């Protein structure tokens, strides 16, 4: 996990991790903050993030990080 970006969003870098680890890292971060940018390169991550967000009522946006990596912005 990394710290907040310039906008105060917590950035969770889960690249290289296989599911369910990106979703678990996301859930942990959202216990402490309301706005998370998750970076993950596992093809299953999108489905895991969507399912977790649906269970908790979080909003999810597909996004691209400043470095060009795909990710999701999740807010509770």
PDB file of N, CA and C in Angstrom:
ATOM      1  N   UNK A   1       0.839  -1.166   0.000  1.00  0.00           N
ATOM      2  CA  UNK A   1       0.000   0.000   0.000  1.00  0.00           C
ATOM      3  C   UNK A   1       0.886   1.231   0.000  1.00  0.00           C
ATOM      4  N   UNK A   2       0.465   2.247  -0.676  1.00  0.00           N
ATOM      5  CA  UNK A   2       1.217   3.495  -0.674  1.00  0.00           C
ATOM      6  C   UNK A   2       0.359   4.574  -0.058  1.00  0.00           C
ATOM      7  N   UNK A   3       0.900   5.763   0.072  1.00  0.00           N
ATOM      8  CA  UNK A   3       0.191   6.857   0.721  1.00  0.00           C
ATOM      9  C   UNK A   3      -0.766   7.580  -0.205  1.00  0.00           C
ATOM     10  N   UNK A   4      -1.298   8.694   0.265  1.00  0.00           N
ATOM     11  CA  UNK A   4      -2.252   9.459  -0.534  1.00  0.00           C
ATOM     12  C   UNK A   4      -1.584  10.161  -1.705  1.00  0.00           C
ATOM     13  N   UNK A   5      -2.380  10.410  -2.756  1.00  0.00           N
ATOM     14  CA  UNK A   5      -1.877  11.178  -3.888  1.00  0.00           C
ATOM     15  C   UNK A   5      -2.091  12.660  -3.600  1.00  0.00           C
ATOM     16  N   UNK A   6      -1.866  13.499  -4.597  1.00  0.00           N
ATOM     17  CA  UNK A   6      -1.962  14.939  -4.418  1.00  0.00           C
ATOM     18  C   UNK A   6      -3.381  15.383  -4.047  1.00  0.00           C
ATOM     19  N   UNK A   7      -4.394  14.604  -4.376  1.00  0.00           N
ATOM     20  CA  UNK A   7      -5.779  14.961  -4.076  1.00  0.00           C
ATOM     21  C   UNK A   7      -6.255  14.359  -2.755  1.00  0.00           C
ATOM     22  N   UNK A   8      -5.385  13.650  -2.038  1.00  0.00           N
ATOM     23  CA  UNK A   8      -5.762  13.038  -0.781  1.00  0.00           C
ATOM     24  C   UNK A   8      -6.359  11.652  -0.924  1.00  0.00           C
ATOM     25  N   UNK A   9      -6.364  11.123  -2.122  1.00  0.00           N
ATOM     26  CA  UNK A   9      -6.860   9.777  -2.363  1.00  0.00           C
ATOM     27  C   UNK A   9      -5.791   8.774  -1.968  1.00  0.00           C
ATOM     28  N   UNK A  10      -6.161   7.748  -1.217  1.00  0.00           N
ATOM     29  CA  UNK A  10      -5.199   6.693  -0.868  1.00  0.00           C
ATOM     30  C   UNK A  10      -4.949   5.861  -2.105  1.00  0.00           C
ATOM     31  N   UNK A  11      -3.699   5.638  -2.448  1.00  0.00           N
ATOM     32  CA  UNK A  11      -3.323   4.812  -3.590  1.00  0.00           C
ATOM     33  C   UNK A  11      -2.881   3.450  -3.076  1.00  0.00           C
ATOM     34  N   UNK A  12      -3.526   2.396  -3.591  1.00  0.00           N
ATOM     35  CA  UNK A  12      -3.171   1.026  -3.230  1.00  0.00           C
ATOM     36  C   UNK A  12      -2.607   0.372  -4.487  1.00  0.00           C
ATOM     37  N   UNK A  13      -1.331   0.061  -4.454  1.00  0.00           N
ATOM     38  CA  UNK A  13      -0.664  -0.551  -5.597  1.00  0.00           C
ATOM     39  C   UNK A  13      -0.618  -2.062  -5.398  1.00  0.00           C
ATOM     40  N   UNK A  14      -1.528  -2.764  -6.083  1.00  0.00           N
ATOM     41  CA  UNK A  14      -1.611  -4.224  -5.974  1.00  0.00           C
ATOM     42  C   UNK A  14      -1.153  -4.891  -7.266  1.00  0.00           C
ATOM     43  N   UNK A  15      -0.378  -4.172  -8.070  1.00  0.00           N
ATOM     44  CA  UNK A  15       0.139  -4.766  -9.298  1.00  0.00           C
ATOM     45  C   UNK A  15       1.064  -5.921  -8.945  1.00  0.00           C
ATOM     46  N   UNK A  16       0.928  -7.008  -9.699  1.00  0.00           N
ATOM     47  CA  UNK A  16       1.726  -8.196  -9.450  1.00  0.00           C
ATOM     48  C   UNK A  16       1.072  -9.161  -8.475  1.00  0.00           C
ATOM     49  N   UNK A  17      -0.010  -8.737  -7.855  1.00  0.00           N
ATOM     50  CA  UNK A  17      -0.724  -9.613  -6.917  1.00  0.00           C
ATOM     51  C   UNK A  17      -1.892 -10.271  -7.639  1.00  0.00           C
ATOM     52  N   UNK A  18      -2.168 -11.490  -7.290  1.00  0.00           N
ATOM     53  CA  UNK A  18      -3.300 -12.215  -7.870  1.00  0.00           C
ATOM     54  C   UNK A  18      -4.475 -12.174  -6.908  1.00  0.00           C
ATOM     55  N   UNK A  19      -5.673 -12.194  -7.467  1.00  0.00           N
ATOM     56  CA  UNK A  19      -6.889 -12.177  -6.657  1.00  0.00           C
ATOM     57  C   UNK A  19      -6.909 -13.390  -5.757  1.00  0.00           C
ATOM     58  N   UNK A  20      -7.365 -13.172  -4.549  1.00  0.00           N
ATOM     59  CA  UNK A  20      -8.173 -12.064  -4.039  1.00  0.00           C
ATOM     60  C   UNK A  20      -7.386 -10.929  -3.402  1.00  0.00           C
ATOM     61  N   UNK A  21      -6.054 -10.928  -3.478  1.00  0.00           N
ATOM     62  CA  UNK A  21      -5.258  -9.928  -2.768  1.00  0.00           C
ATOM     63  C   UNK A  21      -5.577  -8.483  -3.120  1.00  0.00           C
ATOM     64  N   UNK A  22      -5.760  -8.105  -4.401  1.00  0.00           N
ATOM     65  CA  UNK A  22      -6.117  -6.699  -4.659  1.00  0.00           C
ATOM     66  C   UNK A  22      -7.411  -6.281  -3.960  1.00  0.00           C
ATOM     67  N   UNK A  23      -8.427  -7.138  -3.981  1.00  0.00           N
ATOM     68  CA  UNK A  23      -9.698  -6.809  -3.318  1.00  0.00           C
ATOM     69  C   UNK A  23      -9.519  -6.727  -1.806  1.00  0.00           C
ATOM     70  N   UNK A  24      -8.706  -7.603  -1.239  1.00  0.00           N
ATOM     71  CA  UNK A  24      -8.463  -7.553   0.203  1.00  0.00           C
ATOM     72  C   UNK A  24      -7.728  -6.275   0.601  1.00  0.00           C
ATOM     73  N   UNK A  25      -6.761  -5.879  -0.193  1.00  0.00           N
ATOM     74  CA  UNK A  25      -6.037  -4.630   0.081  1.00  0.00           C
ATOM     75  C   UNK A  25      -6.973  -3.427  -0.037  1.00  0.00           C
ATOM     76  N   UNK A  26      -7.876  -3.472  -1.034  1.00  0.00           N
ATOM     77  CA  UNK A  26      -8.857  -2.399  -1.200  1.00  0.00           C
ATOM     78  C   UNK A  26      -9.755  -2.304   0.027  1.00  0.00           C
ATOM     79  N   UNK A  27     -10.295  -3.424   0.468  1.00  0.00           N
ATOM     80  CA  UNK A  27     -11.187  -3.432   1.627  1.00  0.00           C
ATOM     81  C   UNK A  27     -10.481  -2.887   2.866  1.00  0.00           C
ATOM     82  N   UNK A  28      -9.235  -3.276   3.068  1.00  0.00           N
ATOM     83  CA  UNK A  28      -8.476  -2.778   4.219  1.00  0.00           C
ATOM     84  C   UNK A  28      -8.306  -1.259   4.143  1.00  0.00           C
ATOM     85  N   UNK A  29      -7.960  -0.754   2.971  1.00  0.00           N
ATOM     86  CA  UNK A  29      -7.760   0.687   2.820  1.00  0.00           C
ATOM     87  C   UNK A  29      -9.058   1.458   3.052  1.00  0.00           C
ATOM     88  N   UNK A  30     -10.184   0.898   2.620  1.00  0.00           N
ATOM     89  CA  UNK A  30     -11.454   1.602   2.780  1.00  0.00           C
ATOM     90  C   UNK A  30     -11.967   1.570   4.222  1.00  0.00           C
ATOM     91  N   UNK A  31     -11.337   0.820   5.101  1.00  0.00           N
ATOM     92  CA  UNK A  31     -11.659   0.911   6.527  1.00  0.00           C
ATOM     93  C   UNK A  31     -11.110   2.209   7.109  1.00  0.00           C
ATOM     94  N   UNK A  32     -10.031   2.727   6.487  1.00  0.00           N
ATOM     95  CA  UNK A  32      -9.330   3.891   7.022  1.00  0.00           C
ATOM     96  C   UNK A  32      -9.607   5.184   6.275  1.00  0.00           C
ATOM     97  N   UNK A  33     -10.092   5.086   5.054  1.00  0.00           N
ATOM     98  CA  UNK A  33     -10.332   6.280   4.240  1.00  0.00           C
ATOM     99  C   UNK A  33     -11.552   6.042   3.361  1.00  0.00           C
ATOM    100  N   UNK A  34     -12.088   7.114   2.804  1.00  0.00           N
ATOM    101  CA  UNK A  34     -13.311   6.986   2.006  1.00  0.00           C
ATOM    102  C   UNK A  34     -13.045   7.012   0.503  1.00  0.00           C
ATOM    103  N   UNK A  35     -11.793   7.201   0.093  1.00  0.00           N
ATOM    104  CA  UNK A  35     -11.478   7.371  -1.328  1.00  0.00           C
ATOM    105  C   UNK A  35     -10.168   6.652  -1.638  1.00  0.00           C
ATOM    106  N   UNK A  36     -10.235   5.623  -2.511  1.00  0.00           N
ATOM    107  CA  UNK A  36      -9.058   4.802  -2.809  1.00  0.00           C
ATOM    108  C   UNK A  36      -8.887   4.654  -4.313  1.00  0.00           C
ATOM    109  N   UNK A  37      -7.663   4.772  -4.785  1.00  0.00           N
ATOM    110  CA  UNK A  37      -7.302   4.433  -6.155  1.00  0.00           C
ATOM    111  C   UNK A  37      -6.559   3.105  -6.085  1.00  0.00           C
ATOM    112  N   UNK A  38      -7.162   2.065  -6.656  1.00  0.00           N
ATOM    113  CA  UNK A  38      -6.564   0.734  -6.670  1.00  0.00           C
ATOM    114  C   UNK A  38      -5.915   0.489  -8.023  1.00  0.00           C
ATOM    115  N   UNK A  39      -4.641   0.133  -8.017  1.00  0.00           N
ATOM    116  CA  UNK A  39      -3.927  -0.263  -9.222  1.00  0.00           C
ATOM    117  C   UNK A  39      -3.709  -1.765  -9.148  1.00  0.00           C
ATOM    118  N   UNK A  40      -4.186  -2.497 -10.140  1.00  0.00           N
ATOM    119  CA  UNK A  40      -4.037  -3.956 -10.146  1.00  0.00           C
ATOM    120  C   UNK A  40      -3.984  -4.431 -11.587  1.00  0.00           C
ATOM    121  N   UNK A  41      -3.142  -5.437 -11.844  1.00  0.00           N
ATOM    122  CA  UNK A  41      -3.006  -5.941 -13.210  1.00  0.00           C
ATOM    123  C   UNK A  41      -3.517  -7.368 -13.379  1.00  0.00           C
ATOM    124  N   UNK A  42      -4.123  -7.939 -12.352  1.00  0.00           N
ATOM    125  CA  UNK A  42      -4.731  -9.264 -12.480  1.00  0.00           C
ATOM    126  C   UNK A  42      -6.028  -9.114 -13.282  1.00  0.00           C
ATOM    127  N   UNK A  43      -6.213  -9.896 -14.337  1.00  0.00           N
ATOM    128  CA  UNK A  43      -7.432  -9.782 -15.148  1.00  0.00           C
ATOM    129  C   UNK A  43      -8.724 -10.019 -14.357  1.00  0.00           C
ATOM    130  N   UNK A  44      -8.651 -10.737 -13.249  1.00  0.00           N
ATOM    131  CA  UNK A  44      -9.836 -10.997 -12.428  1.00  0.00           C
ATOM    132  C   UNK A  44     -10.162  -9.847 -11.477  1.00  0.00           C
ATOM    133  N   UNK A  45      -9.270  -8.890 -11.338  1.00  0.00           N
ATOM    134  CA  UNK A  45      -9.453  -7.819 -10.362  1.00  0.00           C
ATOM    135  C   UNK A  45     -10.711  -7.001 -10.622  1.00  0.00           C
ATOM    136  N   UNK A  46     -11.014  -6.709 -11.866  1.00  0.00           N
ATOM    137  CA  UNK A  46     -12.202  -5.895 -12.167  1.00  0.00           C
ATOM    138  C   UNK A  46     -13.461  -6.560 -11.627  1.00  0.00           C
ATOM    139  N   UNK A  47     -13.586  -7.847 -11.829  1.00  0.00           N
ATOM    140  CA  UNK A  47     -14.763  -8.576 -11.345  1.00  0.00           C
ATOM    141  C   UNK A  47     -14.794  -8.608  -9.818  1.00  0.00           C
ATOM    142  N   UNK A  48     -13.647  -8.840  -9.199  1.00  0.00           N
ATOM    143  CA  UNK A  48     -13.568  -8.882  -7.733  1.00  0.00           C
ATOM    144  C   UNK A  48     -13.914  -7.522  -7.118  1.00  0.00           C
ATOM    145  N   UNK A  49     -13.380  -6.454  -7.709  1.00  0.00           N
ATOM    146  CA  UNK A  49     -13.646  -5.107  -7.198  1.00  0.00           C
ATOM    147  C   UNK A  49     -15.133  -4.778  -7.343  1.00  0.00           C
ATOM    148  N   UNK A  50     -15.713  -5.098  -8.483  1.00  0.00           N
ATOM    149  CA  UNK A  50     -17.132  -4.816  -8.702  1.00  0.00           C
ATOM    150  C   UNK A  50     -18.012  -5.585  -7.710  1.00  0.00           C
ATOM    151  N   UNK A  51     -17.690  -6.838  -7.462  1.00  0.00           N
ATOM    152  CA  UNK A  51     -18.470  -7.640  -6.523  1.00  0.00           C
ATOM    153  C   UNK A  51     -18.358  -7.087  -5.101  1.00  0.00           C
ATOM    154  N   UNK A  52     -17.143  -6.743  -4.681  1.00  0.00           N
ATOM    155  CA  UNK A  52     -16.932  -6.212  -3.345  1.00  0.00           C
ATOM    156  C   UNK A  52     -17.652  -4.871  -3.168  1.00  0.00           C
ATOM    157  N   UNK A  53     -17.540  -4.023  -4.169  1.00  0.00           N
ATOM    158  CA  UNK A  53     -18.202  -2.725  -4.103  1.00  0.00           C
ATOM    159  C   UNK A  53     -19.722  -2.886  -4.047  1.00  0.00           C
ATOM    160  N   UNK A  54     -20.252  -3.817  -4.821  1.00  0.00           N
ATOM    161  CA  UNK A  54     -21.685  -4.070  -4.798  1.00  0.00           C
ATOM    162  C   UNK A  54     -22.173  -4.532  -3.436  1.00  0.00           C
ATOM    163  N   UNK A  55     -21.397  -5.361  -2.772  1.00  0.00           N
ATOM    164  CA  UNK A  55     -21.760  -5.852  -1.438  1.00  0.00           C
ATOM    165  C   UNK A  55     -21.796  -4.733  -0.403  1.00  0.00           C
ATOM    166  N   UNK A  56     -20.912  -3.745  -0.564  1.00  0.00           N
ATOM    167  CA  UNK A  56     -20.777  -2.687   0.438  1.00  0.00           C
ATOM    168  C   UNK A  56     -21.412  -1.362   0.033  1.00  0.00           C
ATOM    169  N   UNK A  57     -21.912  -1.267  -1.187  1.00  0.00           N
ATOM    170  CA  UNK A  57     -22.529  -0.021  -1.639  1.00  0.00           C
ATOM    171  C   UNK A  57     -21.529   1.062  -2.010  1.00  0.00           C
ATOM    172  N   UNK A  58     -20.310   0.665  -2.362  1.00  0.00           N
ATOM    173  CA  UNK A  58     -19.284   1.623  -2.766  1.00  0.00           C
ATOM    174  C   UNK A  58     -19.451   1.977  -4.237  1.00  0.00           C
ATOM    175  N   UNK A  59     -19.027   3.173  -4.619  1.00  0.00           N
ATOM    176  CA  UNK A  59     -19.022   3.548  -6.037  1.00  0.00           C
ATOM    177  C   UNK A  59     -17.658   3.217  -6.635  1.00  0.00           C
ATOM    178  N   UNK A  60     -17.674   2.803  -7.907  1.00  0.00           N
ATOM    179  CA  UNK A  60     -16.442   2.407  -8.595  1.00  0.00           C
ATOM    180  C   UNK A  60     -16.380   3.106  -9.940  1.00  0.00           C
ATOM    181  N   UNK A  61     -15.222   3.692 -10.257  1.00  0.00           N
ATOM    182  CA  UNK A  61     -14.963   4.283 -11.568  1.00  0.00           C
ATOM    183  C   UNK A  61     -13.705   3.656 -12.143  1.00  0.00           C
ATOM    184  N   UNK A  62     -13.754   3.254 -13.411  1.00  0.00           N
ATOM    185  CA  UNK A  62     -12.531   2.841 -14.089  1.00  0.00           C
ATOM    186  C   UNK A  62     -11.696   4.092 -14.285  1.00  0.00           C
ATOM    187  N   UNK A  63     -10.391   3.962 -14.139  1.00  0.00           N
ATOM    188  CA  UNK A  63      -9.525   5.129 -14.266  1.00  0.00           C
ATOM    189  C   UNK A  63      -8.162   4.710 -14.791  1.00  0.00           C
ATOM    190  N   UNK A  64      -7.345   5.682 -15.094  1.00  0.00           N
ATOM    191  CA  UNK A  64      -5.961   5.449 -15.502  1.00  0.00           C
ATOM    192  C   UNK A  64      -5.093   6.325 -14.608  1.00  0.00           C
ATOM    193  N   UNK A  65      -4.077   5.727 -14.009  1.00  0.00           N
ATOM    194  CA  UNK A  65      -3.191   6.482 -13.117  1.00  0.00           C
ATOM    195  C   UNK A  65      -2.313   7.424 -13.939  1.00  0.00           C
ATOM    196  N   UNK A  66      -1.665   8.376 -13.278  1.00  0.00           N
ATOM    197  CA  UNK A  66      -0.752   9.269 -13.994  1.00  0.00           C
ATOM    198  C   UNK A  66       0.352   8.524 -14.741  1.00  0.00           C
ATOM    199  N   UNK A  67       0.712   7.325 -14.282  1.00  0.00           N
ATOM    200  CA  UNK A  67       1.768   6.555 -14.953  1.00  0.00           C
ATOM    201  C   UNK A  67       1.214   5.714 -16.103  1.00  0.00           C
ATOM    202  N   UNK A  68      -0.115   5.793 -16.337  1.00  0.00           N
ATOM    203  CA  UNK A  68      -0.720   5.071 -17.452  1.00  0.00           C
ATOM    204  C   UNK A  68      -1.264   3.704 -17.113  1.00  0.00           C
ATOM    205  N   UNK A  69      -1.204   3.321 -15.841  1.00  0.00           N
ATOM    206  CA  UNK A  69      -1.719   2.022 -15.422  1.00  0.00           C
ATOM    207  C   UNK A  69      -3.228   2.073 -15.218  1.00  0.00           C
ATOM    208  N   UNK A  70      -3.900   0.994 -15.570  1.00  0.00           N
ATOM    209  CA  UNK A  70      -5.340   0.892 -15.344  1.00  0.00           C
ATOM    210  C   UNK A  70      -5.603   0.707 -13.855  1.00  0.00           C
ATOM    211  N   UNK A  71      -6.732   1.197 -13.427  1.00  0.00           N
ATOM    212  CA  UNK A  71      -7.095   1.059 -12.024  1.00  0.00           C
ATOM    213  C   UNK A  71      -8.554   1.402 -11.809  1.00  0.00           C
ATOM    214  N   UNK A  72      -8.934   1.465 -10.557  1.00  0.00           N
ATOM    215  CA  UNK A  72     -10.306   1.780 -10.177  1.00  0.00           C
ATOM    216  C   UNK A  72     -10.264   2.764  -9.032  1.00  0.00           C
ATOM    217  N   UNK A  73     -11.120   3.781  -9.131  1.00  0.00           N
ATOM    218  CA  UNK A  73     -11.300   4.722  -8.022  1.00  0.00           C
ATOM    219  C   UNK A  73     -12.542   4.278  -7.288  1.00  0.00           C
ATOM    220  N   UNK A  74     -12.395   3.967  -6.030  1.00  0.00           N
ATOM    221  CA  UNK A  74     -13.496   3.416  -5.238  1.00  0.00           C
ATOM    222  C   UNK A  74     -13.757   4.361  -4.065  1.00  0.00           C
ATOM    223  N   UNK A  75     -15.036   4.681  -3.882  1.00  0.00           N
ATOM    224  CA  UNK A  75     -15.425   5.570  -2.776  1.00  0.00           C
ATOM    225  C   UNK A  75     -16.552   4.932  -1.978  1.00  0.00           C
ATOM    226  N   UNK A  76     -16.474   5.152  -0.676  1.00  0.00           N
ATOM    227  CA  UNK A  76     -17.579   4.660   0.157  1.00  0.00           C
ATOM    228  C   UNK A  76     -18.428   5.817   0.613  1.00  0.00           C
TER     229      UNK A  76
END
